[in-house]
Each structure stands twice: as structure tokens, then as C-alpha cells.
Protein backbone atom coordinates (compact mmCIF):
# COMPACT_ATOMS: atom_id res chain seq x y z
CA UNK A 1 7.99 9.51 244.33
CA UNK A 2 9.05 10.17 247.82
CA UNK A 3 8.48 7.43 250.80
CA UNK A 4 5.80 9.68 252.50
CA UNK A 5 3.76 10.06 249.35
CA UNK A 6 3.92 6.49 248.35
CA UNK A 7 2.81 5.39 251.92
CA UNK A 8 -0.05 7.83 251.89
CA UNK A 9 -1.34 6.37 248.58
CA UNK A 10 -0.79 2.86 249.90
CA UNK A 11 -3.03 3.65 252.94
CA UNK A 12 -5.65 5.03 250.50
CA UNK A 13 -5.44 1.75 248.46
CA UNK A 14 -5.62 -0.24 251.57
CA UNK A 15 -9.01 1.47 252.44
CA UNK A 16 -7.30 2.99 255.65
CA UNK A 17 -7.70 6.51 254.30
CA UNK A 18 -10.75 8.53 252.86
CA UNK A 19 -11.84 5.68 250.56
CA UNK A 20 -14.46 3.40 251.99
CA UNK A 21 -16.67 0.57 251.12
CA UNK A 22 -20.11 -0.12 252.52
CA UNK A 23 -20.02 -3.85 253.65
CA UNK A 24 -17.89 -7.01 254.10
CA UNK A 25 -18.40 -8.09 250.42
CA UNK A 26 -17.52 -4.98 248.79
CA UNK A 27 -14.30 -4.81 250.71
CA UNK A 28 -13.29 -8.33 249.90
CA UNK A 29 -14.05 -7.68 246.29
CA UNK A 30 -11.96 -4.67 246.42
CA UNK A 31 -8.91 -6.52 247.57
CA UNK A 32 -9.57 -9.64 245.56
CA UNK A 33 -8.21 -11.74 248.55
CA UNK A 34 -7.44 -10.90 252.14
CA UNK A 35 -5.21 -13.18 254.11
CA UNK A 36 -7.14 -15.14 256.48
CA UNK A 37 -5.36 -17.91 258.05
CA UNK A 38 -5.90 -16.48 261.36
CA UNK A 39 -9.80 -16.01 261.53
CA UNK A 40 -9.81 -13.23 264.42
CA UNK A 41 -7.27 -11.21 262.35
CA UNK A 42 -9.23 -11.10 259.20
CA UNK A 43 -12.52 -10.11 260.93
CA UNK A 44 -10.62 -7.08 262.58
CA UNK A 45 -9.13 -6.33 259.20
CA UNK A 46 -12.82 -6.15 257.96
CA UNK A 47 -13.93 -4.20 261.02
CA UNK A 48 -11.08 -1.79 260.84
CA UNK A 49 -12.36 -0.67 257.45
CA UNK A 50 -16.03 -0.48 258.30
CA UNK A 51 -16.15 2.07 261.11
CA UNK A 52 -19.09 1.49 263.76
CA UNK A 53 -19.48 -2.10 262.83
CA UNK A 54 -19.33 -4.65 265.49
CA UNK A 55 -17.75 -8.23 265.65
CA UNK A 56 -21.24 -10.00 265.65
CA UNK A 57 -22.19 -8.06 262.48
CA UNK A 58 -19.01 -8.89 260.44
CA UNK A 59 -19.47 -12.54 261.34
CA UNK A 60 -23.10 -12.45 260.31
CA UNK A 61 -21.81 -10.94 256.85
CA UNK A 62 -19.60 -13.87 256.25
CA UNK A 63 -22.68 -16.10 256.51
CA UNK A 64 -24.25 -14.46 253.36
CA UNK A 65 -22.21 -16.65 251.12
CA UNK A 66 -20.92 -13.81 248.88
CA UNK A 67 -17.45 -14.43 250.58
CA UNK A 68 -15.61 -17.54 251.44
CA UNK A 69 -12.34 -18.79 252.88
CA UNK A 70 -10.16 -21.04 250.80
CA UNK A 71 -6.42 -21.56 249.58
CA UNK A 72 -6.56 -19.52 246.32
CA UNK A 73 -2.71 -18.73 246.31
CA UNK A 74 0.41 -19.20 248.18
CA UNK A 75 -0.87 -22.41 249.95
CA UNK A 76 -2.50 -20.32 252.51
CA UNK A 77 -6.17 -19.24 253.60
CA UNK A 78 -7.66 -16.16 251.91
CA UNK A 79 -11.14 -14.56 252.33
CA UNK A 80 -12.21 -14.17 248.73
CA UNK A 81 -15.40 -13.47 246.69
CA UNK A 82 -17.27 -16.66 246.46
CA UNK A 83 -17.92 -16.38 242.83
CA UNK A 84 -14.19 -16.13 241.97
CA UNK A 85 -13.12 -19.14 244.05
CA UNK A 86 -13.11 -21.58 241.22
CA UNK A 87 -11.06 -19.47 238.74
CA UNK A 88 -8.64 -18.25 241.31
CA UNK A 89 -7.93 -21.80 242.40
CA UNK A 90 -7.35 -22.87 238.89
CA UNK A 91 -5.07 -19.89 238.09
CA UNK A 92 -3.08 -19.33 241.10
CA UNK A 93 -3.95 -21.97 243.44
CA UNK A 94 -2.89 -24.70 241.19
CA UNK A 95 0.73 -23.82 241.69
CA UNK A 96 0.30 -24.95 245.30
CA UNK A 97 -0.79 -28.50 244.09
CA UNK A 98 2.33 -28.83 242.16
CA UNK A 99 4.40 -29.33 245.43
CA UNK A 100 1.93 -31.77 246.82
CA UNK A 101 3.32 -34.87 245.58
CA UNK A 102 6.52 -34.15 247.72
CA UNK A 103 4.37 -33.39 250.78
CA UNK A 104 2.27 -36.56 250.33
CA UNK A 105 5.53 -38.61 250.17
CA UNK A 106 6.64 -37.33 253.42
CA UNK A 107 3.21 -37.93 254.99
CA UNK A 108 3.16 -41.46 253.64
CA UNK A 109 0.11 -40.75 251.63
CA UNK A 110 -0.87 -41.80 247.97
CA UNK A 111 -2.57 -39.47 245.61
CA UNK A 112 -5.30 -42.03 245.13
CA UNK A 113 -5.95 -41.74 248.87
CA UNK A 114 -5.94 -37.97 248.77
CA UNK A 115 -8.46 -38.13 245.85
CA UNK A 116 -10.64 -40.68 247.69
CA UNK A 117 -10.60 -38.67 250.75
CA UNK A 118 -11.83 -35.55 248.72
CA UNK A 119 -14.53 -37.55 247.21
CA UNK A 120 -15.75 -38.86 250.72
CA UNK A 121 -15.92 -35.15 251.87
CA UNK A 122 -17.75 -34.15 248.74
CA UNK A 123 -20.31 -36.99 249.39
CA UNK A 124 -20.58 -36.12 253.08
CA UNK A 125 -21.39 -32.57 252.36
CA UNK A 126 -23.70 -32.64 249.60
CA UNK A 127 -27.30 -31.50 249.93
CA UNK A 128 -26.37 -28.38 252.03
CA UNK A 129 -24.16 -30.37 254.45
CA UNK A 130 -21.70 -28.30 256.82
CA UNK A 131 -19.13 -30.29 259.16
CA UNK A 132 -16.69 -29.19 261.58
CA UNK A 133 -13.17 -29.98 261.00
CA UNK A 134 -13.28 -32.71 263.39
CA UNK A 135 -16.41 -34.04 261.77
CA UNK A 136 -14.76 -33.97 258.30
CA UNK A 137 -11.64 -35.86 259.69
CA UNK A 138 -13.96 -38.57 261.24
CA UNK A 139 -15.89 -38.98 258.02
CA UNK A 140 -12.75 -39.42 256.04
CA UNK A 141 -11.39 -42.08 258.50
CA UNK A 142 -14.90 -43.58 258.62
CA UNK A 143 -14.82 -43.82 254.77
CA UNK A 144 -11.48 -45.92 254.74
CA UNK A 145 -8.71 -43.23 254.47
CA UNK A 146 -6.85 -43.48 257.53
CA UNK A 147 -6.22 -40.01 259.38
CA UNK A 148 -3.28 -39.71 261.76
CA UNK A 149 -0.71 -37.12 262.44
CA UNK A 150 -0.85 -34.25 260.06
CA UNK A 151 -2.85 -36.19 257.37
CA UNK A 152 -6.01 -34.42 258.57
CA UNK A 153 -4.92 -31.00 257.84
CA UNK A 154 -3.40 -31.94 254.46
CA UNK A 155 -6.50 -33.83 253.28
CA UNK A 156 -8.81 -30.85 254.16
CA UNK A 157 -6.46 -28.62 252.14
CA UNK A 158 -6.25 -30.98 249.41
CA UNK A 159 -9.99 -31.28 248.98
CA UNK A 160 -10.38 -27.32 249.01
CA UNK A 161 -7.43 -26.84 246.84
CA UNK A 162 -8.92 -29.07 244.37
CA UNK A 163 -12.20 -26.91 244.48
CA UNK A 164 -14.26 -29.51 246.11
CA UNK A 165 -14.71 -27.89 249.71
CA UNK A 166 -14.13 -24.46 251.29
CA UNK A 167 -14.22 -23.19 254.82
CA UNK A 168 -17.25 -21.65 256.10
CA UNK A 169 -17.78 -19.70 259.17
CA UNK A 170 -17.02 -21.18 262.32
CA UNK A 171 -19.35 -23.25 264.67
CA UNK A 172 -18.39 -22.00 268.00
CA UNK A 173 -14.40 -22.13 267.94
CA UNK A 174 -14.34 -24.78 265.28
CA UNK A 175 -13.98 -24.30 261.44
CA UNK A 176 -16.77 -25.64 259.26
CA UNK A 177 -16.45 -26.87 255.69
CA UNK A 178 -19.07 -26.92 252.84
CA UNK A 179 -19.10 -27.88 249.12
CA UNK A 180 -17.76 -24.82 247.39
CA UNK A 181 -20.38 -25.48 244.54
CA UNK A 182 -23.15 -25.19 246.89
CA UNK A 183 -21.76 -22.12 248.87
CA UNK A 184 -20.82 -20.36 245.61
CA UNK A 185 -23.85 -20.96 243.36
CA UNK A 186 -22.74 -17.90 241.20
CA UNK A 187 -19.53 -18.63 239.42
CA UNK A 188 -17.50 -16.12 237.40
CA UNK A 189 -15.41 -17.67 234.41
CA UNK A 190 -12.93 -15.29 233.00
CA UNK A 191 -10.22 -16.66 230.44
CA UNK A 192 -6.89 -17.19 232.01
CA UNK A 193 -5.63 -13.88 230.52
CA UNK A 194 -8.71 -12.11 231.81
CA UNK A 195 -8.02 -13.69 235.07
CA UNK A 196 -4.55 -12.38 235.26
CA UNK A 197 -5.61 -8.87 234.43
CA UNK A 198 -8.53 -9.22 237.11
CA UNK A 199 -5.89 -10.30 239.83
CA UNK A 200 -3.32 -7.64 238.95
CA UNK A 201 -6.02 -4.74 238.79
CA UNK A 202 -7.45 -5.84 242.27
CA UNK A 203 -3.90 -6.14 243.86
CA UNK A 204 -2.64 -2.92 242.70
CA UNK A 205 -5.89 -0.81 243.41
CA UNK A 206 -5.90 -2.35 247.00
CA UNK A 207 -2.04 -2.41 247.63
CA UNK A 208 -0.48 0.27 245.22
CA UNK A 209 1.96 1.89 244.67
CA UNK A 210 3.72 -1.62 244.51
CA UNK A 211 6.10 -3.55 242.39
CA UNK A 212 5.48 -6.39 240.00
CA UNK A 213 7.70 -8.51 242.43
CA UNK A 214 5.26 -7.58 245.16
CA UNK A 215 2.37 -8.76 243.06
CA UNK A 216 4.03 -11.95 241.98
CA UNK A 217 4.85 -12.62 245.85
CA UNK A 218 1.25 -12.14 246.84
CA UNK A 219 -0.13 -14.14 244.23
CA UNK A 220 2.61 -16.85 243.70
CA UNK A 221 2.34 -16.35 240.10
CA UNK A 222 5.48 -16.51 237.78
CA UNK A 223 7.06 -13.26 236.92
CA UNK A 224 5.98 -13.66 233.37
CA UNK A 225 2.38 -14.27 234.26
CA UNK A 226 2.57 -11.19 236.83
CA UNK A 227 3.94 -8.93 234.01
CA UNK A 228 1.20 -10.10 231.50
CA UNK A 229 -1.41 -9.34 234.28
CA UNK A 230 -0.06 -5.90 234.96
CA UNK A 231 0.05 -4.97 231.40
CA UNK A 232 -3.52 -5.59 230.77
CA UNK A 233 -4.70 -4.22 234.09
CA UNK A 234 -5.10 -0.30 233.29
CA UNK A 235 -2.58 0.73 235.84
CA UNK A 236 -0.33 3.68 236.13
CA UNK A 237 3.43 3.10 236.27
CA UNK A 238 5.30 5.42 239.04
CA UNK A 239 8.96 4.83 239.06
CA UNK A 240 9.29 0.90 239.36
CA UNK A 241 5.83 0.76 240.88
CA UNK A 242 2.35 0.59 239.62
CA UNK A 243 -1.08 1.98 240.96
CA UNK A 244 -4.57 2.54 240.28
CA UNK A 245 -4.55 5.96 238.74
CA UNK A 246 -7.37 7.26 241.07
CA UNK A 247 -5.30 6.55 244.19
CA UNK A 248 -2.73 9.06 242.95
CA UNK A 249 -5.19 11.92 243.05
CA UNK A 250 -6.49 10.99 246.62
CA UNK A 251 -5.84 13.53 249.60
CA UNK A 252 -3.06 12.68 252.01
CA UNK A 253 -3.66 10.01 254.63
CA UNK A 254 -2.38 10.79 258.25
CA UNK A 255 -2.91 9.74 261.70
CA UNK A 256 -2.98 6.20 263.82
CA UNK A 257 -4.42 2.87 262.72
CA UNK A 258 -4.75 -0.17 264.86
CA UNK A 259 -4.36 -3.19 262.60
CA UNK A 260 -4.23 -6.94 263.13
CA UNK A 261 -0.99 -8.90 262.53
CA UNK A 262 -1.99 -10.60 259.26
CA UNK A 263 -3.50 -7.39 257.66
CA UNK A 264 -2.71 -6.92 254.06
CA UNK A 265 -1.02 -3.68 255.16
CA UNK A 266 2.08 -5.60 256.18
CA UNK A 267 1.61 -9.15 254.72
CA UNK A 268 0.61 -7.90 251.13
CA UNK A 269 4.24 -6.84 250.00
CA UNK A 270 7.47 -8.55 249.49
CA UNK A 271 9.43 -5.52 250.43
CA UNK A 272 8.15 -3.93 253.63
CA UNK A 273 11.01 -1.43 253.93
CA UNK A 274 8.82 1.65 253.51
CA UNK A 275 6.60 0.60 256.42
CA UNK A 276 9.09 -0.73 258.93
CA UNK A 277 12.98 -0.81 259.51
CA UNK A 278 14.68 -4.32 259.59
CA UNK A 279 14.68 -4.31 263.22
CA UNK A 280 10.90 -3.41 263.42
CA UNK A 281 10.21 -6.10 260.86
CA UNK A 282 12.02 -8.65 263.05
CA UNK A 283 9.83 -7.59 266.06
CA UNK A 284 6.67 -7.86 263.98
CA UNK A 285 7.53 -11.34 262.62
CA UNK A 286 9.59 -12.83 265.55
CA UNK A 287 12.09 -15.33 264.27
CA UNK A 288 10.93 -14.88 260.68
CA UNK A 289 8.21 -17.67 261.50
CA UNK A 290 5.51 -16.21 259.56
CA UNK A 291 3.31 -15.25 262.48
CA UNK A 292 2.78 -11.44 262.27
CA UNK A 293 2.13 -9.44 265.43
CA UNK A 294 -0.64 -6.88 265.27
CA UNK A 295 0.81 -3.20 264.64
CA UNK A 296 0.02 0.42 265.60
CA UNK A 297 0.74 2.50 262.57
CA UNK A 298 1.14 6.28 262.20
CA UNK A 299 1.10 8.13 258.77
CA UNK A 300 1.64 4.73 257.32
CA UNK A 301 4.63 3.80 259.33
CA UNK A 302 4.92 1.12 262.12
CA UNK A 303 5.41 2.51 265.43
CA UNK A 304 4.41 -0.51 267.87
CA UNK A 305 3.04 -4.00 268.20
CA UNK A 306 0.19 -4.86 270.23
CA UNK A 307 -1.35 -7.70 272.18
CA UNK A 308 -4.86 -7.93 273.27
CA UNK A 309 -6.61 -9.76 276.40
CA UNK A 310 -10.38 -9.95 276.20
CA UNK A 311 -11.87 -10.07 279.47
CA UNK A 312 -15.64 -10.24 280.52
CA UNK A 313 -15.55 -6.57 281.50
CA UNK A 314 -12.96 -5.02 279.34
CA UNK A 315 -10.37 -5.69 276.58
CA UNK A 316 -6.69 -5.10 277.80
CA UNK A 317 -4.29 -4.00 275.04
CA UNK A 318 -0.60 -4.15 275.87
CA UNK A 319 1.41 -1.78 273.56
CA UNK A 320 5.19 -2.66 272.71
CA UNK A 321 6.61 0.52 271.31
CA UNK A 322 9.15 0.12 268.56
CA UNK A 323 9.50 4.00 268.12
CA UNK A 324 9.07 6.81 270.35
CA UNK A 325 5.67 8.10 270.60
CA UNK A 326 2.98 9.60 273.07
CA UNK A 327 0.97 6.46 274.30
CA UNK A 328 -2.27 8.74 274.84
CA UNK A 329 -2.12 9.78 271.18
CA UNK A 330 -1.61 6.06 270.05
CA UNK A 331 -4.34 4.85 272.60
CA UNK A 332 -6.96 6.80 270.43
CA UNK A 333 -6.28 4.39 267.50
CA UNK A 334 -7.30 1.33 269.72
CA UNK A 335 -10.80 2.69 270.69
CA UNK A 336 -12.43 1.55 267.32
CA UNK A 337 -11.17 -1.94 268.31
CA UNK A 338 -12.68 -1.87 271.71
CA UNK A 339 -15.98 -0.49 270.21
CA UNK A 340 -16.06 -3.38 267.59
CA UNK A 341 -15.71 -5.96 270.63
CA UNK A 342 -18.47 -3.89 272.60
CA UNK A 343 -15.91 -3.53 275.60
CA UNK A 344 -14.27 -0.77 277.62
CA UNK A 345 -10.65 -0.31 276.59
CA UNK A 346 -7.69 -0.50 278.90
CA UNK A 347 -4.25 0.50 277.51
CA UNK A 348 -0.86 -0.40 279.11
CA UNK A 349 2.77 -1.12 278.33
CA UNK A 350 4.81 -3.93 279.64
């Protein structure tokens, strides 16, 4: 398969082509998990796949409790179907817990105090409670577990990683936390092997064609588990890559897309060479620090990064080209983002 064809298929899988889903819950279920460490980025990742939907509508959809943010894999926050949170944490998230002892040692925190802090949060949130991040930290401290420095973040992560709490939509600009069991009242319970197959099916239908190494990197599963999942997922092999068979029959995808920095388009692969040159990747992830810049993409390839400044009367987008192109043509791709914000668009270069 040539690169142009593979990229076109990927754009279809990523719901950036003719395929579409009607709502937030359907998109999240399609992907299985969407990177959500940065809230504004994941909200636009959803908005970019729901033409005509505004930011307030996307935020409102995340309050319906069928999706939730937590740490299901790679030790980082994802937006996932609420009903899948428990088994995903047990299957893939547990690998992050394996390294928690070393982190606790660095922080001077005992496992007993970490478990005690999780219990304190569980009690504070029981009965439909919903606390901001600062309120959670205060509750832990008041319960007798001192919270200083980076302990607060670690303890909040630990409680969610253990399946006790989860991140609910913001209150103002601050995260809130809820009991996972109370937010996710429906609970899927696949066996371990079934869970591996589900993860593989969802990853490749939403990212394929991709390699097993890409899948293992995305989930943080061992290569043995990744291969086991792929073997049971009903996928089609194309060279050294795998894909949902239906994607391979989809029409070509062309044109421009404006995507947030942490979108699955770039973050969902170990090997990003089809989408961007090494020099472009260095500009997208400056210093290799894990902070992805927003991208302008044409026919599946990165052409520029972009930054937005939201004002009261307009959103100003500064485009930083990484290849030659017509700025006026690229600007059309940013109009859906401005409509999503409900603001006029101003596009400029540095």
C-alpha cells in the first residue's frame, strides 16, 4: 500500500473523512479512548468530528455520564466510554500502577497513605458528591494525609487509577472529581481476552492502517498481549499494518483539516513518518516534551502548526507554516473552529 492510500484510509478511520458519528458518545466509543490530558484539545477533537456543533453543546454532552475522563492507559488522561472504565483500568491502566512504588518513594509517600487518601476521597464523594481538584486535595489533607508539593496530583491520579474516582467536566476552569461507580452506573465486564480484542478492534478501526507496535504503544500493553488482541479482533492485514476491512473500501479523503495538538491523528501512533517529516515532528513537539502543537493537515499530511487567541470579538489564529501552501486555502479549514467557538475568524502568520 502506498503512503497516499494509507493516509487516506487513516483519515477515514479517524472520522476525518466521509465516515461520521452523530454525537459525542458515539465518537468516544468508536475510538475506545481519546487523549484528554488537555481538556480544550479533546473538546475540539470532538467538535472537529461533529460539523455544526458548538463548544457549549460538546461540553453539555460530556455531562450525560456516558463518557468520562480517567487514566486507562499510558498513565495519562483519556476520554472513554464510562461503561468501559473499570475493565480498561484493570487491563491496561494497571501497568501504570506497577511503577507507582518508585514514584511514591521519590515523593516520600507510603502505599498505606496513598490508599488512605483514596478512601478519604471515596467517602467525601459518596452520595453524588462532586468536588473540584482543590477541594479534593483539601479533603485529603483534612483527613490526615499531608498534601504538599506534587503529592496532590499523585494522590488524585492514584485514586482514579485504582478505579475509585474519575474526572468529571470542569466547574469553571477547575477539574472536578466524582465516584466512578456513581458516574458509570452501567458496567461492561469482558474477560481479559475479550478486552484485548475489544481494544484492538477499536484502535485499528479508528487509527488503521497501523502496526501492532503502534497499538502496543497506544495502550501500553506488552507486545504479546497486543498480538493476542489483534489476532481476535477481525482485522485485515495490509503489509505490516492492520485495518478495519470496511475502511479499505472507503472513498479517498482529501482536503484540509484543522486539528488540536493532542488529537489522535498525531498522538495515536508510535511511527508518525507518514504524516510528517522528522523536522516537522520536531516543530509539532518542540523539545520532545510531549506537548503537541495544533496542526493544519492537507490530504493527511501536516502542513503547519497553529495557535489561537480567543478574544471577546474574534478568535485570532496564527499559522506557522511547515511547508509551502496558499494561506487563503488553508484558512478555510479554520472556519469550522471559529464557528464551534461562535466567533469571527482572523488568520495571520507571524
